[in-house]
N, C-alpha and C. Protein backbone atom coordinates (compact mmCIF):
# COMPACT_ATOMS: atom_id res chain seq x y z
N UNK A 1 0.84 -1.17 0.00
CA UNK A 1 0.00 0.00 0.00
C UNK A 1 0.88 1.24 0.00
N UNK A 2 0.41 2.24 -0.72
CA UNK A 2 1.10 3.52 -0.78
C UNK A 2 0.15 4.62 -0.31
N UNK A 3 0.73 5.70 0.12
CA UNK A 3 -0.08 6.86 0.46
C UNK A 3 -0.33 7.66 -0.80
N UNK A 4 -1.54 8.22 -0.90
CA UNK A 4 -1.90 9.05 -2.04
C UNK A 4 -2.58 10.30 -1.54
N UNK A 5 -2.25 11.42 -2.15
CA UNK A 5 -2.86 12.69 -1.79
C UNK A 5 -4.21 12.81 -2.49
N UNK A 6 -5.23 13.18 -1.75
CA UNK A 6 -6.58 13.31 -2.30
C UNK A 6 -7.29 14.47 -1.63
N UNK A 7 -8.40 14.87 -2.23
CA UNK A 7 -9.23 15.90 -1.61
C UNK A 7 -10.69 15.50 -1.71
N UNK A 8 -11.49 16.00 -0.78
CA UNK A 8 -12.92 15.73 -0.81
C UNK A 8 -13.55 16.56 -1.93
N UNK A 9 -14.39 15.93 -2.74
CA UNK A 9 -15.11 16.62 -3.81
C UNK A 9 -16.40 17.23 -3.24
N UNK A 10 -16.97 16.60 -2.25
CA UNK A 10 -18.22 17.05 -1.63
C UNK A 10 -18.16 16.68 -0.16
N UNK A 11 -19.16 17.07 0.59
CA UNK A 11 -19.21 16.72 2.01
C UNK A 11 -19.40 15.21 2.17
N UNK A 12 -18.81 14.66 3.19
CA UNK A 12 -18.92 13.22 3.44
C UNK A 12 -20.29 12.88 4.03
N UNK A 13 -20.63 11.59 3.97
CA UNK A 13 -21.85 11.10 4.60
C UNK A 13 -21.46 10.23 5.78
N UNK A 14 -22.22 10.32 6.84
CA UNK A 14 -21.93 9.54 8.03
C UNK A 14 -21.71 10.47 9.20
N UNK A 15 -21.30 9.95 10.30
CA UNK A 15 -20.92 8.57 10.54
C UNK A 15 -22.14 7.66 10.78
N UNK A 16 -21.95 6.40 10.43
CA UNK A 16 -22.95 5.37 10.70
C UNK A 16 -22.27 4.33 11.57
N UNK A 17 -22.86 4.05 12.72
CA UNK A 17 -22.30 3.05 13.62
C UNK A 17 -22.49 1.67 13.01
N UNK A 18 -21.39 0.94 12.88
CA UNK A 18 -21.41 -0.40 12.31
C UNK A 18 -20.83 -1.33 13.36
N UNK A 19 -21.64 -2.20 13.92
CA UNK A 19 -21.18 -3.06 15.00
C UNK A 19 -21.10 -2.26 16.29
N UNK A 20 -20.21 -2.68 17.18
CA UNK A 20 -20.12 -2.01 18.48
C UNK A 20 -19.14 -0.85 18.49
N UNK A 21 -18.10 -0.92 17.68
CA UNK A 21 -17.06 0.11 17.79
C UNK A 21 -16.50 0.56 16.44
N UNK A 22 -17.22 0.31 15.35
CA UNK A 22 -16.76 0.74 14.04
C UNK A 22 -17.71 1.78 13.47
N UNK A 23 -17.15 2.77 12.80
CA UNK A 23 -17.94 3.82 12.17
C UNK A 23 -17.68 3.80 10.68
N UNK A 24 -18.71 4.05 9.89
CA UNK A 24 -18.57 4.07 8.44
C UNK A 24 -18.85 5.48 7.92
N UNK A 25 -17.93 5.95 7.08
CA UNK A 25 -18.08 7.22 6.38
C UNK A 25 -18.03 6.94 4.89
N UNK A 26 -18.75 7.71 4.11
CA UNK A 26 -18.72 7.59 2.66
C UNK A 26 -18.41 8.97 2.09
N UNK A 27 -17.51 9.02 1.11
CA UNK A 27 -17.15 10.30 0.53
C UNK A 27 -16.65 10.11 -0.90
N UNK A 28 -16.83 11.13 -1.70
CA UNK A 28 -16.24 11.16 -3.04
C UNK A 28 -14.93 11.91 -2.95
N UNK A 29 -13.87 11.28 -3.46
CA UNK A 29 -12.54 11.87 -3.40
C UNK A 29 -11.99 12.07 -4.80
N UNK A 30 -11.07 13.00 -4.92
CA UNK A 30 -10.35 13.22 -6.17
C UNK A 30 -8.87 13.00 -5.88
N UNK A 31 -8.25 12.09 -6.63
CA UNK A 31 -6.82 11.83 -6.46
C UNK A 31 -6.02 12.84 -7.25
N UNK A 32 -4.94 13.34 -6.65
CA UNK A 32 -4.08 14.30 -7.34
C UNK A 32 -3.19 13.60 -8.37
N UNK A 33 -2.80 12.37 -8.08
CA UNK A 33 -1.95 11.61 -8.99
C UNK A 33 -2.51 10.20 -9.08
N UNK A 34 -2.76 9.74 -10.27
CA UNK A 34 -3.30 8.40 -10.46
C UNK A 34 -2.26 7.35 -10.09
N UNK A 35 -2.62 6.38 -9.24
CA UNK A 35 -1.66 5.33 -8.88
C UNK A 35 -1.40 4.41 -10.08
N UNK A 36 -0.14 4.16 -10.36
CA UNK A 36 0.26 3.33 -11.49
C UNK A 36 1.13 2.19 -10.95
N UNK A 37 0.88 0.99 -11.45
CA UNK A 37 1.69 -0.16 -11.05
C UNK A 37 3.06 -0.10 -11.71
N UNK A 38 4.07 -0.56 -10.98
CA UNK A 38 5.41 -0.66 -11.55
C UNK A 38 5.43 -1.73 -12.64
N UNK A 39 6.31 -1.59 -13.59
CA UNK A 39 6.41 -2.54 -14.70
C UNK A 39 6.72 -3.96 -14.23
N UNK A 40 7.43 -4.09 -13.12
CA UNK A 40 7.78 -5.43 -12.63
C UNK A 40 6.56 -6.26 -12.23
N UNK A 41 5.44 -5.60 -11.88
CA UNK A 41 4.22 -6.34 -11.55
C UNK A 41 3.72 -7.15 -12.76
N UNK A 42 3.92 -6.64 -13.95
CA UNK A 42 3.47 -7.35 -15.15
C UNK A 42 4.21 -8.67 -15.30
N UNK A 43 5.46 -8.67 -14.93
CA UNK A 43 6.29 -9.89 -15.04
C UNK A 43 6.09 -10.79 -13.82
N UNK A 44 6.12 -10.22 -12.62
CA UNK A 44 6.08 -10.99 -11.38
C UNK A 44 4.69 -11.53 -11.03
N UNK A 45 3.66 -10.75 -11.29
CA UNK A 45 2.32 -11.16 -10.87
C UNK A 45 1.26 -10.72 -11.89
N UNK A 46 1.29 -11.26 -13.11
CA UNK A 46 0.32 -10.82 -14.12
C UNK A 46 -1.13 -11.13 -13.74
N UNK A 47 -1.36 -12.21 -12.99
CA UNK A 47 -2.74 -12.53 -12.59
C UNK A 47 -3.29 -11.49 -11.63
N UNK A 48 -2.42 -10.88 -10.84
CA UNK A 48 -2.86 -9.83 -9.92
C UNK A 48 -3.47 -8.67 -10.70
N UNK A 49 -2.86 -8.34 -11.81
CA UNK A 49 -3.35 -7.24 -12.63
C UNK A 49 -4.61 -7.66 -13.39
N UNK A 50 -4.59 -8.83 -13.98
CA UNK A 50 -5.72 -9.30 -14.79
C UNK A 50 -6.98 -9.54 -13.95
N UNK A 51 -6.81 -9.95 -12.69
CA UNK A 51 -7.95 -10.29 -11.85
C UNK A 51 -8.22 -9.23 -10.76
N UNK A 52 -7.68 -8.04 -10.89
CA UNK A 52 -7.83 -7.01 -9.86
C UNK A 52 -9.29 -6.63 -9.64
N UNK A 53 -10.09 -6.63 -10.69
CA UNK A 53 -11.49 -6.24 -10.54
C UNK A 53 -12.26 -7.23 -9.66
N UNK A 54 -11.89 -8.51 -9.71
CA UNK A 54 -12.55 -9.52 -8.88
C UNK A 54 -12.29 -9.23 -7.40
N UNK A 55 -11.06 -8.84 -7.06
CA UNK A 55 -10.73 -8.50 -5.68
C UNK A 55 -11.57 -7.31 -5.22
N UNK A 56 -11.66 -6.27 -6.05
CA UNK A 56 -12.44 -5.09 -5.68
C UNK A 56 -13.91 -5.41 -5.48
N UNK A 57 -14.47 -6.20 -6.37
CA UNK A 57 -15.88 -6.57 -6.26
C UNK A 57 -16.13 -7.36 -4.98
N UNK A 58 -15.29 -8.34 -4.71
CA UNK A 58 -15.45 -9.17 -3.51
C UNK A 58 -15.27 -8.35 -2.24
N UNK A 59 -14.25 -7.51 -2.21
CA UNK A 59 -13.98 -6.69 -1.03
C UNK A 59 -15.16 -5.79 -0.71
N UNK A 60 -15.70 -5.12 -1.71
CA UNK A 60 -16.80 -4.20 -1.48
C UNK A 60 -18.12 -4.90 -1.18
N UNK A 61 -18.26 -6.14 -1.63
CA UNK A 61 -19.49 -6.89 -1.37
C UNK A 61 -19.45 -7.56 0.00
N UNK A 62 -18.32 -8.14 0.38
CA UNK A 62 -18.23 -8.96 1.59
C UNK A 62 -17.65 -8.26 2.81
N UNK A 63 -16.74 -7.32 2.62
CA UNK A 63 -16.05 -6.72 3.76
C UNK A 63 -17.00 -5.98 4.69
N UNK A 64 -17.96 -5.17 4.20
CA UNK A 64 -18.86 -4.49 5.14
C UNK A 64 -19.60 -5.44 6.08
N UNK A 65 -19.90 -6.65 5.61
CA UNK A 65 -20.60 -7.62 6.44
C UNK A 65 -19.77 -7.96 7.67
N UNK A 66 -18.45 -8.06 7.54
CA UNK A 66 -17.61 -8.43 8.67
C UNK A 66 -17.47 -7.29 9.65
N UNK A 67 -17.62 -6.05 9.22
CA UNK A 67 -17.54 -4.91 10.12
C UNK A 67 -18.80 -4.78 10.98
N UNK A 68 -19.89 -5.36 10.54
CA UNK A 68 -21.15 -5.23 11.26
C UNK A 68 -21.27 -6.19 12.43
N UNK A 69 -20.40 -7.16 12.51
CA UNK A 69 -20.51 -8.15 13.58
C UNK A 69 -20.02 -7.65 14.90
């Protein structure tokens, strides 16, 4: 993971209490610099790049469920 500079495009929504001690906020952000993968990822882990959308879909579908417990 890398740090990226961003700014809020609009006011955030929330907080929403999720579970006993987790809070959820939703916001639209604008990145100042688009994150780009290093060329070595293409050689070392091509499946990571080709299947990245599956990870995002699964994370966004399943992860909130675990925060609610």
